[in-house]
Amino acid sequence: MNHHFHSTSQALDIDTRLVTAGAVLIAGGALVALAGMGLAGFALATAGRRWVRQLEVPPSERAAAKLRQARHASLAGMEAWRAAAAAGDGRS
């Protein structure tokens, strides 16, 4: 028995009104999502600025103070190392 299958080319029957309505809803949803993200971002940025203004020491000044502390600690460490090296040379 030899069966031959013939494929018939039929056009896909798509309701373009539904596809169009779906595309419009997707676009509208994307716009609503973007608006929501924008509002949330604005609220977070405003709260962050308000928080920074309420700090006793601004972050830039705090960073500068920490950098000064690190420099002083580094210099003190170098001086201690040099002193220990000099003391070690004298004992030999």
PDB file of N, CA and C in Angstrom:
ATOM      1  N   MET A   1       0.819  -1.174   0.000  1.00  0.00           N
ATOM      2  CA  MET A   1       0.000   0.000   0.000  1.00  0.00           C
ATOM      3  C   MET A   1       0.857   1.229   0.000  1.00  0.00           C
ATOM      4  N   ASN A   2       0.629   2.020  -0.934  1.00  0.00           N
ATOM      5  CA  ASN A   2       1.409   3.229  -1.090  1.00  0.00           C
ATOM      6  C   ASN A   2       0.483   4.426  -0.913  1.00  0.00           C
ATOM      7  N   HIS A   3       0.691   5.144   0.190  1.00  0.00           N
ATOM      8  CA  HIS A   3      -0.166   6.309   0.455  1.00  0.00           C
ATOM      9  C   HIS A   3       0.618   7.567   0.125  1.00  0.00           C
ATOM     10  N   HIS A   4       0.025   8.431  -0.582  1.00  0.00           N
ATOM     11  CA  HIS A   4       0.627   9.719  -0.903  1.00  0.00           C
ATOM     12  C   HIS A   4      -0.147  10.806  -0.174  1.00  0.00           C
ATOM     13  N   PHE A   5       0.599  11.637   0.535  1.00  0.00           N
ATOM     14  CA  PHE A   5      -0.032  12.745   1.244  1.00  0.00           C
ATOM     15  C   PHE A   5       0.192  14.012   0.447  1.00  0.00           C
ATOM     16  N   HIS A   6      -0.864  14.668   0.177  1.00  0.00           N
ATOM     17  CA  HIS A   6      -0.798  15.921  -0.570  1.00  0.00           C
ATOM     18  C   HIS A   6      -1.023  17.067   0.404  1.00  0.00           C
ATOM     19  N   SER A   7      -0.127  18.010   0.408  1.00  0.00           N
ATOM     20  CA  SER A   7      -0.322  19.170   1.271  1.00  0.00           C
ATOM     21  C   SER A   7      -1.077  20.227   0.495  1.00  0.00           C
ATOM     22  N   THR A   8      -2.061  20.743   1.153  1.00  0.00           N
ATOM     23  CA  THR A   8      -2.826  21.813   0.519  1.00  0.00           C
ATOM     24  C   THR A   8      -2.390  23.115   1.155  1.00  0.00           C
ATOM     25  N   SER A   9      -2.117  24.072   0.350  1.00  0.00           N
ATOM     26  CA  SER A   9      -1.683  25.359   0.890  1.00  0.00           C
ATOM     27  C   SER A   9      -2.899  26.244   1.076  1.00  0.00           C
ATOM     28  N   GLN A  10      -3.284  26.354   2.332  1.00  0.00           N
ATOM     29  CA  GLN A  10      -4.404  27.225   2.664  1.00  0.00           C
ATOM     30  C   GLN A  10      -3.864  28.397   3.466  1.00  0.00           C
ATOM     31  N   ALA A  11      -4.417  29.545   3.199  1.00  0.00           N
ATOM     32  CA  ALA A  11      -3.983  30.738   3.914  1.00  0.00           C
ATOM     33  C   ALA A  11      -4.489  30.667   5.354  1.00  0.00           C
ATOM     34  N   LEU A  12      -3.671  31.138   6.271  1.00  0.00           N
ATOM     35  CA  LEU A  12      -4.051  31.187   7.678  1.00  0.00           C
ATOM     36  C   LEU A  12      -5.098  32.266   7.832  1.00  0.00           C
ATOM     37  N   ASP A  13      -6.197  31.918   8.443  1.00  0.00           N
ATOM     38  CA  ASP A  13      -7.311  32.864   8.591  1.00  0.00           C
ATOM     39  C   ASP A  13      -7.132  33.615   9.907  1.00  0.00           C
ATOM     40  N   ILE A  14      -6.595  34.831   9.825  1.00  0.00           N
ATOM     41  CA  ILE A  14      -6.320  35.641  11.015  1.00  0.00           C
ATOM     42  C   ILE A  14      -7.281  36.820  11.049  1.00  0.00           C
ATOM     43  N   ASP A  15      -7.849  37.028  12.229  1.00  0.00           N
ATOM     44  CA  ASP A  15      -8.732  38.184  12.408  1.00  0.00           C
ATOM     45  C   ASP A  15      -7.846  39.397  12.692  1.00  0.00           C
ATOM     46  N   THR A  16      -7.649  40.224  11.698  1.00  0.00           N
ATOM     47  CA  THR A  16      -6.735  41.368  11.833  1.00  0.00           C
ATOM     48  C   THR A  16      -7.228  42.382  12.847  1.00  0.00           C
ATOM     49  N   ARG A  17      -8.534  42.425  13.085  1.00  0.00           N
ATOM     50  CA  ARG A  17      -9.045  43.364  14.102  1.00  0.00           C
ATOM     51  C   ARG A  17      -8.544  42.956  15.487  1.00  0.00           C
ATOM     52  N   LEU A  18      -8.532  41.657  15.763  1.00  0.00           N
ATOM     53  CA  LEU A  18      -8.045  41.199  17.060  1.00  0.00           C
ATOM     54  C   LEU A  18      -6.543  41.421  17.197  1.00  0.00           C
ATOM     55  N   VAL A  19      -5.799  41.187  16.137  1.00  0.00           N
ATOM     56  CA  VAL A  19      -4.357  41.412  16.167  1.00  0.00           C
ATOM     57  C   VAL A  19      -4.068  42.888  16.389  1.00  0.00           C
ATOM     58  N   THR A  20      -4.797  43.745  15.693  1.00  0.00           N
ATOM     59  CA  THR A  20      -4.623  45.192  15.857  1.00  0.00           C
ATOM     60  C   THR A  20      -4.972  45.621  17.281  1.00  0.00           C
ATOM     61  N   ALA A  21      -6.083  45.103  17.813  1.00  0.00           N
ATOM     62  CA  ALA A  21      -6.483  45.452  19.180  1.00  0.00           C
ATOM     63  C   ALA A  21      -5.417  44.971  20.175  1.00  0.00           C
ATOM     64  N   GLY A  22      -4.876  43.783  19.941  1.00  0.00           N
ATOM     65  CA  GLY A  22      -3.816  43.279  20.821  1.00  0.00           C
ATOM     66  C   GLY A  22      -2.581  44.151  20.770  1.00  0.00           C
ATOM     67  N   ALA A  23      -2.193  44.582  19.582  1.00  0.00           N
ATOM     68  CA  ALA A  23      -1.016  45.451  19.443  1.00  0.00           C
ATOM     69  C   ALA A  23      -1.245  46.784  20.147  1.00  0.00           C
ATOM     70  N   VAL A  24      -2.451  47.325  20.019  1.00  0.00           N
ATOM     71  CA  VAL A  24      -2.763  48.601  20.688  1.00  0.00           C
ATOM     72  C   VAL A  24      -2.693  48.427  22.208  1.00  0.00           C
ATOM     73  N   LEU A  25      -3.240  47.318  22.715  1.00  0.00           N
ATOM     74  CA  LEU A  25      -3.190  47.085  24.161  1.00  0.00           C
ATOM     75  C   LEU A  25      -1.758  46.893  24.652  1.00  0.00           C
ATOM     76  N   ILE A  26      -0.942  46.200  23.874  1.00  0.00           N
ATOM     77  CA  ILE A  26       0.466  46.016  24.252  1.00  0.00           C
ATOM     78  C   ILE A  26       1.176  47.364  24.298  1.00  0.00           C
ATOM     79  N   ALA A  27       0.973  48.195  23.277  1.00  0.00           N
ATOM     80  CA  ALA A  27       1.606  49.518  23.244  1.00  0.00           C
ATOM     81  C   ALA A  27       1.125  50.377  24.414  1.00  0.00           C
ATOM     82  N   GLY A  28      -0.169  50.334  24.685  1.00  0.00           N
ATOM     83  CA  GLY A  28      -0.707  51.107  25.809  1.00  0.00           C
ATOM     84  C   GLY A  28      -0.146  50.632  27.135  1.00  0.00           C
ATOM     85  N   GLY A  29      -0.037  49.319  27.298  1.00  0.00           N
ATOM     86  CA  GLY A  29       0.535  48.774  28.527  1.00  0.00           C
ATOM     87  C   GLY A  29       1.988  49.175  28.700  1.00  0.00           C
ATOM     88  N   ALA A  30       2.725  49.186  27.584  1.00  0.00           N
ATOM     89  CA  ALA A  30       4.130  49.602  27.656  1.00  0.00           C
ATOM     90  C   ALA A  30       4.243  51.062  28.072  1.00  0.00           C
ATOM     91  N   LEU A  31       3.359  51.901  27.545  1.00  0.00           N
ATOM     92  CA  LEU A  31       3.389  53.320  27.928  1.00  0.00           C
ATOM     93  C   LEU A  31       3.042  53.501  29.399  1.00  0.00           C
ATOM     94  N   VAL A  32       2.054  52.754  29.886  1.00  0.00           N
ATOM     95  CA  VAL A  32       1.682  52.847  31.304  1.00  0.00           C
ATOM     96  C   VAL A  32       2.851  52.366  32.178  1.00  0.00           C
ATOM     97  N   ALA A  33       3.517  51.289  31.758  1.00  0.00           N
ATOM     98  CA  ALA A  33       4.668  50.785  32.525  1.00  0.00           C
ATOM     99  C   ALA A  33       5.798  51.810  32.545  1.00  0.00           C
ATOM    100  N   LEU A  34       6.068  52.439  31.414  1.00  0.00           N
ATOM    101  CA  LEU A  34       7.119  53.462  31.375  1.00  0.00           C
ATOM    102  C   LEU A  34       6.775  54.643  32.274  1.00  0.00           C
ATOM    103  N   ALA A  35       5.516  55.045  32.245  1.00  0.00           N
ATOM    104  CA  ALA A  35       5.098  56.149  33.106  1.00  0.00           C
ATOM    105  C   ALA A  35       5.262  55.767  34.578  1.00  0.00           C
ATOM    106  N   GLY A  36       4.912  54.540  34.928  1.00  0.00           N
ATOM    107  CA  GLY A  36       5.066  54.073  36.302  1.00  0.00           C
ATOM    108  C   GLY A  36       6.520  54.043  36.734  1.00  0.00           C
ATOM    109  N   MET A  37       7.391  53.560  35.848  1.00  0.00           N
ATOM    110  CA  MET A  37       8.826  53.544  36.186  1.00  0.00           C
ATOM    111  C   MET A  37       9.362  54.964  36.338  1.00  0.00           C
ATOM    112  N   GLY A  38       8.899  55.867  35.501  1.00  0.00           N
ATOM    113  CA  GLY A  38       9.347  57.254  35.612  1.00  0.00           C
ATOM    114  C   GLY A  38       8.924  57.878  36.930  1.00  0.00           C
ATOM    115  N   LEU A  39       7.663  57.647  37.326  1.00  0.00           N
ATOM    116  CA  LEU A  39       7.191  58.194  38.596  1.00  0.00           C
ATOM    117  C   LEU A  39       7.951  57.587  39.780  1.00  0.00           C
ATOM    118  N   ALA A  40       8.165  56.290  39.745  1.00  0.00           N
ATOM    119  CA  ALA A  40       8.897  55.648  40.843  1.00  0.00           C
ATOM    120  C   ALA A  40      10.338  56.153  40.907  1.00  0.00           C
ATOM    121  N   GLY A  41      10.988  56.295  39.758  1.00  0.00           N
ATOM    122  CA  GLY A  41      12.350  56.818  39.732  1.00  0.00           C
ATOM    123  C   GLY A  41      12.428  58.236  40.262  1.00  0.00           C
ATOM    124  N   PHE A  42      11.454  59.055  39.874  1.00  0.00           N
ATOM    125  CA  PHE A  42      11.414  60.437  40.359  1.00  0.00           C
ATOM    126  C   PHE A  42      11.239  60.464  41.872  1.00  0.00           C
ATOM    127  N   ALA A  43      10.343  59.627  42.385  1.00  0.00           N
ATOM    128  CA  ALA A  43      10.107  59.588  43.837  1.00  0.00           C
ATOM    129  C   ALA A  43      11.365  59.144  44.576  1.00  0.00           C
ATOM    130  N   LEU A  44      12.061  58.140  44.053  1.00  0.00           N
ATOM    131  CA  LEU A  44      13.292  57.668  44.702  1.00  0.00           C
ATOM    132  C   LEU A  44      14.394  58.722  44.649  1.00  0.00           C
ATOM    133  N   ALA A  45      14.527  59.399  43.512  1.00  0.00           N
ATOM    134  CA  ALA A  45      15.555  60.443  43.400  1.00  0.00           C
ATOM    135  C   ALA A  45      15.260  61.597  44.349  1.00  0.00           C
ATOM    136  N   THR A  46      14.002  61.988  44.451  1.00  0.00           N
ATOM    137  CA  THR A  46      13.626  63.076  45.353  1.00  0.00           C
ATOM    138  C   THR A  46      13.897  62.687  46.804  1.00  0.00           C
ATOM    139  N   ALA A  47      13.545  61.463  47.166  1.00  0.00           N
ATOM    140  CA  ALA A  47      13.796  61.004  48.539  1.00  0.00           C
ATOM    141  C   ALA A  47      15.296  60.944  48.818  1.00  0.00           C
ATOM    142  N   GLY A  48      16.083  60.510  47.849  1.00  0.00           N
ATOM    143  CA  GLY A  48      17.537  60.458  48.030  1.00  0.00           C
ATOM    144  C   GLY A  48      18.137  61.831  48.221  1.00  0.00           C
ATOM    145  N   ARG A  49      17.687  62.792  47.427  1.00  0.00           N
ATOM    146  CA  ARG A  49      18.203  64.165  47.589  1.00  0.00           C
ATOM    147  C   ARG A  49      17.816  64.730  48.949  1.00  0.00           C
ATOM    148  N   ARG A  50      16.586  64.472  49.376  1.00  0.00           N
ATOM    149  CA  ARG A  50      16.128  64.967  50.678  1.00  0.00           C
ATOM    150  C   ARG A  50      16.961  64.340  51.802  1.00  0.00           C
ATOM    151  N   TRP A  51      17.257  63.046  51.672  1.00  0.00           N
ATOM    152  CA  TRP A  51      18.053  62.347  52.681  1.00  0.00           C
ATOM    153  C   TRP A  51      19.468  62.915  52.748  1.00  0.00           C
ATOM    154  N   VAL A  52      20.077  63.172  51.590  1.00  0.00           N
ATOM    155  CA  VAL A  52      21.434  63.720  51.554  1.00  0.00           C
ATOM    156  C   VAL A  52      21.465  65.106  52.181  1.00  0.00           C
ATOM    157  N   ARG A  53      20.428  65.923  51.919  1.00  0.00           N
ATOM    158  CA  ARG A  53      20.380  67.269  52.506  1.00  0.00           C
ATOM    159  C   ARG A  53      20.249  67.223  54.022  1.00  0.00           C
ATOM    160  N   GLN A  54      19.622  66.162  54.559  1.00  0.00           N
ATOM    161  CA  GLN A  54      19.418  66.070  56.006  1.00  0.00           C
ATOM    162  C   GLN A  54      20.643  65.542  56.742  1.00  0.00           C
ATOM    163  N   LEU A  55      21.612  65.020  56.020  1.00  0.00           N
ATOM    164  CA  LEU A  55      22.816  64.505  56.671  1.00  0.00           C
ATOM    165  C   LEU A  55      23.591  65.655  57.306  1.00  0.00           C
ATOM    166  N   GLU A  56      24.184  65.381  58.457  1.00  0.00           N
ATOM    167  CA  GLU A  56      24.983  66.412  59.129  1.00  0.00           C
ATOM    168  C   GLU A  56      26.236  66.722  58.327  1.00  0.00           C
ATOM    169  N   VAL A  57      26.848  65.690  57.781  1.00  0.00           N
ATOM    170  CA  VAL A  57      28.060  65.860  56.983  1.00  0.00           C
ATOM    171  C   VAL A  57      27.754  65.357  55.575  1.00  0.00           C
ATOM    172  N   PRO A  58      27.878  66.210  54.575  1.00  0.00           N
ATOM    173  CA  PRO A  58      27.611  65.764  53.205  1.00  0.00           C
ATOM    174  C   PRO A  58      28.549  64.625  52.797  1.00  0.00           C
ATOM    175  N   PRO A  59      28.088  63.762  51.912  1.00  0.00           N
ATOM    176  CA  PRO A  59      28.914  62.625  51.496  1.00  0.00           C
ATOM    177  C   PRO A  59      30.280  63.034  50.941  1.00  0.00           C
ATOM    178  N   SER A  60      30.360  64.168  50.236  1.00  0.00           N
ATOM    179  CA  SER A  60      31.653  64.591  49.675  1.00  0.00           C
ATOM    180  C   SER A  60      32.639  64.939  50.790  1.00  0.00           C
ATOM    181  N   GLU A  61      32.143  65.608  51.821  1.00  0.00           N
ATOM    182  CA  GLU A  61      33.028  65.943  52.950  1.00  0.00           C
ATOM    183  C   GLU A  61      33.432  64.691  53.715  1.00  0.00           C
ATOM    184  N   ARG A  62      32.509  63.746  53.871  1.00  0.00           N
ATOM    185  CA  ARG A  62      32.809  62.506  54.570  1.00  0.00           C
ATOM    186  C   ARG A  62      33.867  61.719  53.801  1.00  0.00           C
ATOM    187  N   ALA A  63      33.747  61.686  52.475  1.00  0.00           N
ATOM    188  CA  ALA A  63      34.730  60.978  51.649  1.00  0.00           C
ATOM    189  C   ALA A  63      36.101  61.641  51.755  1.00  0.00           C
ATOM    190  N   ALA A  64      36.128  62.985  51.748  1.00  0.00           N
ATOM    191  CA  ALA A  64      37.401  63.701  51.869  1.00  0.00           C
ATOM    192  C   ALA A  64      38.053  63.418  53.224  1.00  0.00           C
ATOM    193  N   ALA A  65      37.252  63.354  54.286  1.00  0.00           N
ATOM    194  CA  ALA A  65      37.797  63.070  55.623  1.00  0.00           C
ATOM    195  C   ALA A  65      38.365  61.653  55.676  1.00  0.00           C
ATOM    196  N   LYS A  66      37.665  60.694  55.078  1.00  0.00           N
ATOM    197  CA  LYS A  66      38.169  59.313  55.068  1.00  0.00           C
ATOM    198  C   LYS A  66      39.463  59.204  54.255  1.00  0.00           C
ATOM    199  N   LEU A  67      39.555  59.968  53.176  1.00  0.00           N
ATOM    200  CA  LEU A  67      40.781  59.967  52.376  1.00  0.00           C
ATOM    201  C   LEU A  67      41.945  60.541  53.183  1.00  0.00           C
ATOM    202  N   ARG A  68      41.690  61.624  53.922  1.00  0.00           N
ATOM    203  CA  ARG A  68      42.735  62.191  54.781  1.00  0.00           C
ATOM    204  C   ARG A  68      43.169  61.179  55.839  1.00  0.00           C
ATOM    205  N   GLN A  69      42.207  60.487  56.453  1.00  0.00           N
ATOM    206  CA  GLN A  69      42.551  59.472  57.455  1.00  0.00           C
ATOM    207  C   GLN A  69      43.410  58.369  56.842  1.00  0.00           C
ATOM    208  N   ALA A  70      43.048  57.945  55.638  1.00  0.00           N
ATOM    209  CA  ALA A  70      43.816  56.881  54.981  1.00  0.00           C
ATOM    210  C   ALA A  70      45.234  57.349  54.672  1.00  0.00           C
ATOM    211  N   ARG A  71      45.391  58.590  54.244  1.00  0.00           N
ATOM    212  CA  ARG A  71      46.733  59.124  53.961  1.00  0.00           C
ATOM    213  C   ARG A  71      47.575  59.182  55.228  1.00  0.00           C
ATOM    214  N   HIS A  72      46.972  59.677  56.318  1.00  0.00           N
ATOM    215  CA  HIS A  72      47.713  59.759  57.585  1.00  0.00           C
ATOM    216  C   HIS A  72      48.098  58.368  58.079  1.00  0.00           C
ATOM    217  N   ALA A  73      47.179  57.414  57.953  1.00  0.00           N
ATOM    218  CA  ALA A  73      47.486  56.044  58.387  1.00  0.00           C
ATOM    219  C   ALA A  73      48.598  55.447  57.533  1.00  0.00           C
ATOM    220  N   SER A  74      48.576  55.740  56.237  1.00  0.00           N
ATOM    221  CA  SER A  74      49.615  55.235  55.348  1.00  0.00           C
ATOM    222  C   SER A  74      50.972  55.830  55.705  1.00  0.00           C
ATOM    223  N   LEU A  75      50.993  57.135  55.941  1.00  0.00           N
ATOM    224  CA  LEU A  75      52.258  57.784  56.330  1.00  0.00           C
ATOM    225  C   LEU A  75      52.767  57.239  57.660  1.00  0.00           C
ATOM    226  N   ALA A  76      51.878  57.039  58.625  1.00  0.00           N
ATOM    227  CA  ALA A  76      52.290  56.500  59.925  1.00  0.00           C
ATOM    228  C   ALA A  76      52.842  55.090  59.764  1.00  0.00           C
ATOM    229  N   GLY A  77      52.206  54.303  58.918  1.00  0.00           N
ATOM    230  CA  GLY A  77      52.698  52.952  58.671  1.00  0.00           C
ATOM    231  C   GLY A  77      54.067  52.958  58.017  1.00  0.00           C
ATOM    232  N   MET A  78      54.280  53.866  57.056  1.00  0.00           N
ATOM    233  CA  MET A  78      55.592  53.960  56.402  1.00  0.00           C
ATOM    234  C   MET A  78      56.667  54.383  57.396  1.00  0.00           C
ATOM    235  N   GLU A  79      56.324  55.343  58.253  1.00  0.00           N
ATOM    236  CA  GLU A  79      57.298  55.804  59.246  1.00  0.00           C
ATOM    237  C   GLU A  79      57.638  54.685  60.224  1.00  0.00           C
ATOM    238  N   ALA A  80      56.643  53.925  60.645  1.00  0.00           N
ATOM    239  CA  ALA A  80      56.902  52.816  61.565  1.00  0.00           C
ATOM    240  C   ALA A  80      57.761  51.757  60.886  1.00  0.00           C
ATOM    241  N   TRP A  81      57.513  51.490  59.625  1.00  0.00           N
ATOM    242  CA  TRP A  81      58.298  50.503  58.894  1.00  0.00           C
ATOM    243  C   TRP A  81      59.743  50.960  58.757  1.00  0.00           C
ATOM    244  N   ARG A  82      59.915  52.257  58.436  1.00  0.00           N
ATOM    245  CA  ARG A  82      61.284  52.801  58.310  1.00  0.00           C
ATOM    246  C   ARG A  82      62.023  52.745  59.648  1.00  0.00           C
ATOM    247  N   ALA A  83      61.302  53.088  60.720  1.00  0.00           N
ATOM    248  CA  ALA A  83      61.934  53.072  62.038  1.00  0.00           C
ATOM    249  C   ALA A  83      62.337  51.637  62.419  1.00  0.00           C
ATOM    250  N   ALA A  84      61.455  50.680  62.114  1.00  0.00           N
ATOM    251  CA  ALA A  84      61.774  49.293  62.431  1.00  0.00           C
ATOM    252  C   ALA A  84      62.944  48.805  61.568  1.00  0.00           C
ATOM    253  N   ALA A  85      62.980  49.231  60.310  1.00  0.00           N
ATOM    254  CA  ALA A  85      64.089  48.820  59.430  1.00  0.00           C
ATOM    255  C   ALA A  85      65.399  49.431  59.900  1.00  0.00           C
ATOM    256  N   ALA A  86      65.356  50.699  60.327  1.00  0.00           N
ATOM    257  CA  ALA A  86      66.569  51.367  60.815  1.00  0.00           C
ATOM    258  C   ALA A  86      67.046  50.713  62.114  1.00  0.00           C
ATOM    259  N   ALA A  87      66.126  50.362  62.984  1.00  0.00           N
ATOM    260  CA  ALA A  87      66.498  49.711  64.243  1.00  0.00           C
ATOM    261  C   ALA A  87      67.074  48.329  63.976  1.00  0.00           C
ATOM    262  N   GLY A  88      66.569  47.659  62.995  1.00  0.00           N
ATOM    263  CA  GLY A  88      67.074  46.341  62.627  1.00  0.00           C
ATOM    264  C   GLY A  88      68.471  46.423  62.047  1.00  0.00           C
ATOM    265  N   ASP A  89      68.753  47.479  61.267  1.00  0.00           N
ATOM    266  CA  ASP A  89      70.086  47.656  60.679  1.00  0.00           C
ATOM    267  C   ASP A  89      71.110  47.947  61.773  1.00  0.00           C
ATOM    268  N   GLY A  90      70.732  48.645  62.817  1.00  0.00           N
ATOM    269  CA  GLY A  90      71.653  48.996  63.883  1.00  0.00           C
ATOM    270  C   GLY A  90      72.049  47.803  64.739  1.00  0.00           C
ATOM    271  N   ARG A  91      71.194  46.797  64.823  1.00  0.00           N
ATOM    272  CA  ARG A  91      71.458  45.639  65.654  1.00  0.00           C
ATOM    273  C   ARG A  91      72.408  44.657  64.986  1.00  0.00           C
ATOM    274  N   SER A  92      72.496  44.648  63.699  1.00  0.00           N
ATOM    275  CA  SER A  92      73.311  43.633  63.009  1.00  0.00           C
ATOM    276  C   SER A  92      74.769  43.809  63.229  1.00  0.00           C
TER     277      SER A  92
END
